[in-house]
Amino acid sequence: MIICTYNPRQVILDWVLTSLDCQSLAADRFEVIVVDNNSSTPLNAELLRANRKLSLSVVREPKLGLTHARCTGILEAQADILVFVDDDNYFLPDYLEQALAIAEKEPHIGHFGGIAMPLYEQPISGWQKKFLPSLGIRDNGPEPITSRLNHWGEWEPIGAGMVCRRDICNQFVEVVRRNELAQLLGRKGKQLMSGEDTLFARIAVDAGYACSYQPSLRLFHFIRSSRVRMPVLARTLYGHGRSYVILEELSRRPIEPDKLWWMVLQLGKSAAYRLKTDGLPSGLIQWCWDWGAFRQTLAQMPKAGPALLCEPLASRAAEQSPQVKQ
């Protein structure tokens, strides 16, 4: 279990650790690694372990950014199955037991996750609920969905609670180490980038594994009231747009330079369309995704070069196979 955190609320982090302490899986069958991503007040392992039976350690990663913190957690971990925990997740008691059962029963699945249910700090309005999927809330129904397709779909896990095999995690560390674009992914202080969980999925498929949505895995995701305010949502969607362009480059699908002027024209059209369809403020926030994608495309064009993921032989074969709904 890898928990990456930066200046956490102590009461929420304790809530997360309590959920791990209450797992039905025996405590001696898993370890908890808390990656302190350069918090202002360093975290103390003894305080976090107090009155808990967890095997828990704290490692500090001074380089700010969720992607860097996850790499540190991977290198520190000893297990072959890694589960990534956000510092605002509450795992239902059978989460780890179910995750191990899936990993043992389905060896072709390398990267999987489940249902993330919202728990609100304060009630939110209807227009704010539209953006919950962008904040790590998901429920794709009661049936598993598994696929080897190399693009986003319902089978692809979100970062909260994602389960990943060791060899995929090791490749993730290597890709991040040698690729500056990959290092831009993931939250970094006030920069609300994303996409590092999708990078895991791309690597998994390239390595010959499937990704999967497994509804037996369930957790609560605490939604702070600040995260659903209009300025923060706008920055979140802007970061998602930027991250999408980075992932397309890493997946060997870069946006061609001759499409730049077309994108400029589309910015105006998309703004009009989104405002007409969704109104204010939803339409304006949605448009921030388009603006982020455009800005990142501009930033990457002078630096166009070969992608640095592994040879996509598995991906080419996977693109020919449909998703499997079990």
Protein backbone atom coordinates (compact mmCIF):
# COMPACT_ATOMS: atom_id res chain seq x y z
CA MET A 1 0.00 0.00 0.00
CA ILE A 2 1.55 3.29 -1.12
CA ILE A 3 0.11 6.54 0.27
CA CYS A 4 1.51 9.69 -1.31
CA THR A 5 0.75 12.86 0.64
CA TYR A 6 1.69 16.53 0.81
CA ASN A 7 0.71 18.65 3.82
CA PRO A 8 -2.21 16.34 4.70
CA ARG A 9 -5.02 17.11 7.12
CA GLN A 10 -4.11 14.90 10.05
CA VAL A 11 -7.71 13.94 10.79
CA ILE A 12 -8.25 12.79 7.18
CA LEU A 13 -4.95 10.89 7.02
CA ASP A 14 -5.88 9.14 10.29
CA TRP A 15 -9.22 8.22 8.69
CA VAL A 16 -7.35 6.68 5.74
CA LEU A 17 -5.02 4.69 7.99
CA THR A 18 -7.92 3.46 10.09
CA SER A 19 -9.50 1.97 6.96
CA LEU A 20 -6.27 0.07 6.27
CA ASP A 21 -6.02 -1.05 9.89
CA CYS A 22 -9.53 -2.55 9.59
CA GLN A 23 -8.83 -4.66 6.49
CA SER A 24 -9.99 -8.28 6.56
CA LEU A 25 -6.60 -9.27 5.12
CA ALA A 26 -4.21 -10.14 7.93
CA ALA A 27 -1.97 -7.22 8.85
CA ASP A 28 1.18 -9.30 8.38
CA ARG A 29 0.30 -9.82 4.68
CA PHE A 30 0.75 -6.20 3.61
CA GLU A 31 2.93 -3.20 4.31
CA VAL A 32 2.00 0.49 4.26
CA ILE A 33 4.47 3.00 2.85
CA VAL A 34 3.64 6.67 3.40
CA VAL A 35 5.54 8.90 0.99
CA ASP A 36 5.88 12.37 2.51
CA ASN A 37 6.21 14.58 -0.56
CA ASN A 38 8.11 17.40 1.17
CA SER A 39 5.39 18.43 3.63
CA SER A 40 6.05 21.60 5.61
CA THR A 41 5.97 19.56 8.81
CA PRO A 42 7.60 16.16 8.20
CA LEU A 43 5.40 13.18 9.02
CA ASN A 44 6.33 10.99 11.97
CA ALA A 45 6.05 7.23 11.48
CA GLU A 46 5.69 6.54 15.22
CA LEU A 47 2.69 8.86 15.48
CA LEU A 48 1.05 7.32 12.42
CA ARG A 49 1.57 3.80 13.78
CA ALA A 50 0.18 4.65 17.24
CA ASN A 51 -2.49 2.17 18.40
CA ARG A 52 -2.50 0.46 15.01
CA LYS A 53 -1.27 -2.99 14.01
CA LEU A 54 -0.04 -1.77 10.62
CA SER A 55 3.45 -2.43 9.33
CA LEU A 56 4.01 1.22 8.41
CA SER A 57 7.02 3.23 7.34
CA VAL A 58 7.50 6.81 6.18
CA VAL A 59 9.85 7.83 3.38
CA ARG A 60 10.40 11.44 2.36
CA GLU A 61 10.54 12.51 -1.30
CA PRO A 62 11.86 16.10 -1.52
CA LYS A 63 11.01 16.57 -5.20
CA LEU A 64 7.46 17.89 -5.29
CA GLY A 65 4.94 16.04 -7.45
CA LEU A 66 2.67 13.00 -7.21
CA THR A 67 4.53 11.19 -10.00
CA HIS A 68 7.87 11.54 -8.20
CA ALA A 69 6.25 10.43 -4.93
CA ARG A 70 4.76 7.34 -6.54
CA CYS A 71 8.13 6.40 -8.01
CA THR A 72 9.70 6.68 -4.56
CA GLY A 73 6.99 4.48 -3.08
CA ILE A 74 7.50 1.86 -5.80
CA LEU A 75 11.25 1.72 -5.19
CA GLU A 76 10.70 1.42 -1.45
CA ALA A 77 8.07 -1.33 -1.65
CA GLN A 78 8.92 -5.02 -1.31
CA ALA A 79 5.70 -6.62 -2.63
CA ASP A 80 4.79 -7.92 -6.09
CA ILE A 81 1.31 -6.34 -5.94
CA LEU A 82 1.14 -2.60 -5.23
CA VAL A 83 -2.00 -0.65 -4.29
CA PHE A 84 -1.96 3.14 -4.56
CA VAL A 85 -3.87 5.09 -1.93
CA ASP A 86 -4.71 8.79 -2.04
CA ASP A 87 -4.51 10.60 1.29
CA ASP A 88 -8.30 11.08 1.25
CA ASN A 89 -9.45 7.48 0.52
CA TYR A 90 -11.32 5.17 2.89
CA PHE A 91 -11.09 1.53 1.81
CA LEU A 92 -13.94 -0.85 2.57
CA PRO A 93 -12.73 -3.71 4.81
CA ASP A 94 -12.45 -6.38 2.10
CA TYR A 95 -10.58 -4.22 -0.45
CA LEU A 96 -7.16 -5.84 -0.11
CA GLU A 97 -8.54 -9.36 0.20
CA GLN A 98 -10.54 -8.86 -3.00
CA ALA A 99 -7.56 -7.27 -4.79
CA LEU A 100 -5.29 -10.24 -4.04
CA ALA A 101 -7.98 -12.70 -5.13
CA ILE A 102 -8.35 -10.89 -8.48
CA ALA A 103 -4.58 -10.74 -9.00
CA GLU A 104 -4.25 -14.49 -8.35
CA LYS A 105 -7.30 -15.54 -10.38
CA GLU A 106 -6.68 -13.24 -13.37
CA PRO A 107 -2.93 -13.28 -14.14
CA HIS A 108 -3.54 -11.58 -17.52
CA ILE A 109 -4.85 -8.47 -15.73
CA GLY A 110 -1.96 -6.21 -14.76
CA HIS A 111 -3.64 -2.98 -13.74
CA PHE A 112 -7.09 -2.68 -12.17
CA GLY A 113 -9.33 -0.68 -9.86
CA GLY A 114 -12.93 -0.41 -8.75
CA ILE A 115 -15.68 1.88 -7.49
CA ALA A 116 -14.86 5.22 -5.84
CA MET A 117 -17.84 6.73 -3.98
CA PRO A 118 -17.98 10.39 -2.94
CA LEU A 119 -18.05 11.56 0.65
CA TYR A 120 -18.62 15.33 0.72
CA GLU A 121 -17.20 17.79 3.20
CA GLN A 122 -20.21 19.97 2.39
CA PRO A 123 -23.23 19.43 0.12
CA ILE A 124 -22.58 20.32 -3.53
CA SER A 125 -24.85 21.60 -6.30
CA GLY A 126 -26.03 19.80 -9.42
CA TRP A 127 -23.63 21.51 -11.81
CA GLN A 128 -20.69 20.61 -9.56
CA LYS A 129 -21.67 16.93 -9.61
CA LYS A 130 -21.03 16.89 -13.36
CA PHE A 131 -17.30 17.18 -12.63
CA LEU A 132 -17.04 14.38 -10.07
CA PRO A 133 -15.52 11.95 -12.64
CA SER A 134 -12.70 14.48 -13.10
CA LEU A 135 -12.11 14.39 -9.34
CA GLY A 136 -11.70 10.62 -9.07
CA ILE A 137 -15.29 9.49 -8.54
CA ARG A 138 -16.45 6.53 -10.61
CA ASP A 139 -19.03 3.75 -10.72
CA ASN A 140 -19.32 1.88 -14.02
CA GLY A 141 -21.89 -0.62 -12.84
CA PRO A 142 -21.96 -4.05 -11.19
CA GLU A 143 -20.10 -6.06 -13.85
CA PRO A 144 -16.31 -6.27 -14.42
CA ILE A 145 -14.99 -4.69 -17.63
CA THR A 146 -11.64 -5.87 -18.98
CA SER A 147 -9.73 -4.82 -22.11
CA ARG A 148 -6.33 -4.67 -23.76
CA LEU A 149 -7.23 -1.61 -25.86
CA ASN A 150 -4.58 1.09 -25.69
CA HIS A 151 -6.83 4.07 -25.09
CA TRP A 152 -9.00 5.38 -22.29
CA GLY A 153 -12.16 3.43 -21.47
CA GLU A 154 -14.27 2.22 -18.58
CA TRP A 155 -11.80 -0.62 -17.99
CA GLU A 156 -8.97 1.76 -17.11
CA PRO A 157 -8.44 2.37 -13.36
CA ILE A 158 -8.36 5.78 -11.75
CA GLY A 159 -5.48 6.62 -9.43
CA ALA A 160 -7.44 6.16 -6.21
CA GLY A 161 -7.14 2.52 -5.18
CA MET A 162 -5.50 1.30 -8.39
CA VAL A 163 -3.78 -2.08 -8.14
CA CYS A 164 -0.69 -2.75 -10.23
CA ARG A 165 1.81 -5.57 -10.71
CA ARG A 166 5.45 -5.01 -9.86
CA ASP A 167 6.87 -5.26 -13.40
CA ILE A 168 4.48 -2.57 -14.65
CA CYS A 169 5.42 -0.33 -11.73
CA ASN A 170 9.13 -0.80 -12.43
CA GLN A 171 8.58 0.21 -16.06
CA PHE A 172 6.65 3.27 -14.88
CA VAL A 173 9.65 4.36 -12.81
CA GLU A 174 11.95 3.88 -15.80
CA VAL A 175 9.70 5.86 -18.17
CA VAL A 176 9.47 8.75 -15.69
CA ARG A 177 13.22 8.67 -15.05
CA ARG A 178 14.15 9.13 -18.72
CA ASN A 179 11.27 11.21 -20.07
CA GLU A 180 10.77 14.86 -19.16
CA LEU A 181 7.22 14.86 -20.53
CA ALA A 182 6.24 11.99 -18.23
CA GLN A 183 7.62 13.97 -15.30
CA LEU A 184 5.01 16.68 -15.95
CA LEU A 185 2.12 14.31 -15.20
CA GLY A 186 0.41 14.17 -11.81
CA ARG A 187 -0.44 16.87 -9.29
CA LYS A 188 2.43 19.11 -8.26
CA GLY A 189 1.55 21.66 -5.61
CA LYS A 190 -0.97 24.05 -7.17
CA GLN A 191 -0.43 22.60 -10.65
CA LEU A 192 -3.39 20.26 -11.07
CA MET A 193 -1.98 17.97 -13.73
CA SER A 194 -3.18 14.37 -14.00
CA GLY A 195 -2.64 11.35 -16.24
CA GLU A 196 -0.01 9.40 -14.31
CA ASP A 197 -2.60 6.67 -13.65
CA THR A 198 -3.28 6.49 -17.40
CA LEU A 199 0.45 6.17 -18.02
CA PHE A 200 0.41 3.04 -15.83
CA ALA A 201 -2.39 1.69 -18.03
CA ARG A 202 -0.53 2.42 -21.29
CA ILE A 203 2.57 0.66 -19.95
CA ALA A 204 0.49 -2.31 -18.79
CA VAL A 205 -1.03 -2.81 -22.26
CA ASP A 206 2.34 -2.39 -23.98
CA ALA A 207 3.68 -5.10 -21.66
CA GLY A 208 0.92 -7.50 -22.76
CA TYR A 209 -1.47 -7.12 -19.82
CA ALA A 210 -5.13 -6.15 -19.72
CA CYS A 211 -6.59 -3.35 -17.62
CA SER A 212 -9.81 -3.89 -15.71
CA TYR A 213 -12.67 -2.33 -13.79
CA GLN A 214 -13.53 -4.60 -10.85
CA PRO A 215 -16.63 -3.46 -8.92
CA SER A 216 -15.87 -5.72 -5.95
CA LEU A 217 -13.21 -3.14 -5.04
CA ARG A 218 -14.88 -0.23 -3.26
CA LEU A 219 -13.67 2.89 -1.49
CA PHE A 220 -14.87 6.30 -0.38
CA HIS A 221 -13.18 9.42 -1.73
CA PHE A 222 -13.41 12.47 0.52
CA ILE A 223 -14.31 15.54 -1.55
CA ARG A 224 -13.09 18.75 0.04
CA SER A 225 -15.36 21.72 -0.54
CA SER A 226 -12.44 23.66 -2.05
CA ARG A 227 -12.06 21.10 -4.86
CA VAL A 228 -15.50 21.83 -6.34
CA ARG A 229 -15.17 25.61 -6.42
CA MET A 230 -15.21 27.11 -9.89
CA PRO A 231 -11.55 28.35 -10.01
CA VAL A 232 -10.20 25.00 -8.81
CA LEU A 233 -12.39 23.02 -11.20
CA ALA A 234 -11.23 25.25 -14.06
CA ARG A 235 -7.58 24.61 -13.17
CA THR A 236 -8.33 20.89 -12.84
CA LEU A 237 -9.86 20.65 -16.33
CA TYR A 238 -7.04 22.78 -17.74
CA GLY A 239 -4.53 20.32 -16.27
CA HIS A 240 -6.49 17.38 -17.68
CA GLY A 241 -6.33 18.92 -21.16
CA ARG A 242 -2.57 19.39 -20.91
CA SER A 243 -2.11 15.86 -19.58
CA TYR A 244 -4.11 14.39 -22.47
CA VAL A 245 -1.73 15.90 -25.04
CA ILE A 246 1.30 14.62 -23.10
CA LEU A 247 -0.16 11.12 -22.97
CA GLU A 248 -0.90 11.15 -26.70
CA GLU A 249 2.75 12.01 -27.35
CA LEU A 250 3.93 9.24 -25.01
CA SER A 251 1.52 6.81 -26.69
CA ARG A 252 2.98 7.59 -30.14
CA ARG A 253 -0.04 9.59 -31.25
CA PRO A 254 1.32 13.16 -31.28
CA ILE A 255 -0.86 15.97 -32.62
CA GLU A 256 0.49 16.89 -36.05
CA PRO A 257 1.86 20.45 -36.56
CA ASP A 258 -0.39 21.01 -39.58
CA LYS A 259 -3.42 20.75 -37.28
CA LEU A 260 -2.40 23.80 -35.24
CA TRP A 261 -4.46 26.36 -37.15
CA TRP A 262 -7.40 24.00 -37.12
CA MET A 263 -7.10 23.85 -33.33
CA VAL A 264 -7.08 27.66 -33.11
CA LEU A 265 -10.36 27.78 -35.03
CA GLN A 266 -11.82 25.00 -32.92
CA LEU A 267 -11.08 26.87 -29.67
CA GLY A 268 -13.62 29.53 -30.57
CA LYS A 269 -16.16 27.01 -31.82
CA SER A 270 -15.78 24.79 -28.77
CA ALA A 271 -16.29 27.75 -26.42
CA ALA A 272 -19.54 28.67 -28.16
CA TYR A 273 -20.70 25.05 -28.21
CA ARG A 274 -19.90 24.33 -24.58
CA LEU A 275 -21.54 27.54 -23.32
CA LYS A 276 -24.64 26.84 -25.39
CA THR A 277 -24.82 23.19 -24.31
CA ASP A 278 -23.81 23.42 -20.64
CA GLY A 279 -24.26 27.11 -19.83
CA LEU A 280 -22.32 28.95 -17.17
CA PRO A 281 -20.33 27.95 -15.19
CA SER A 282 -20.12 24.36 -16.49
CA GLY A 283 -19.46 25.31 -20.10
CA LEU A 284 -16.63 27.66 -19.21
CA ILE A 285 -15.00 25.06 -16.97
CA GLN A 286 -15.32 22.41 -19.69
CA TRP A 287 -13.67 24.78 -22.17
CA CYS A 288 -10.63 25.00 -19.89
CA TRP A 289 -9.86 21.42 -21.00
CA ASP A 290 -9.69 22.63 -24.63
CA TRP A 291 -7.48 25.56 -23.65
CA GLY A 292 -5.12 23.30 -21.71
CA ALA A 293 -4.84 20.88 -24.63
CA PHE A 294 -4.08 23.75 -27.01
CA ARG A 295 -1.42 25.29 -24.74
CA GLN A 296 0.34 21.96 -24.23
CA THR A 297 0.28 21.26 -27.97
CA LEU A 298 2.05 24.56 -28.55
CA ALA A 299 4.59 23.76 -25.84
CA GLN A 300 5.42 20.32 -27.29
CA MET A 301 5.69 21.11 -30.99
CA PRO A 302 9.28 22.42 -30.97
CA LYS A 303 10.31 19.40 -28.89
CA ALA A 304 8.72 16.70 -31.02
CA GLY A 305 10.75 13.51 -30.88
CA PRO A 306 10.47 9.74 -30.48
CA ALA A 307 8.22 8.38 -27.76
CA LEU A 308 9.98 6.55 -24.97
CA LEU A 309 7.62 3.78 -24.01
CA CYS A 310 8.51 0.18 -24.76
CA GLU A 311 8.07 -1.29 -28.25
CA PRO A 312 4.30 -1.40 -28.86
CA LEU A 313 4.02 -4.95 -30.19
CA ALA A 314 1.50 -5.91 -27.53
CA SER A 315 -0.45 -2.70 -28.19
CA ARG A 316 -0.74 -3.41 -31.91
CA ALA A 317 -2.18 -6.82 -31.18
CA ALA A 318 -4.41 -5.43 -28.46
CA GLU A 319 -5.91 -2.80 -30.74
CA GLN A 320 -7.38 -5.60 -32.80
CA SER A 321 -9.18 -7.19 -29.86
CA PRO A 322 -12.45 -5.79 -28.47
CA GLN A 323 -13.05 -5.05 -24.82
CA VAL A 324 -14.39 -7.94 -22.78
CA LYS A 325 -17.36 -7.37 -20.49
CA GLN A 326 -17.45 -10.23 -18.01
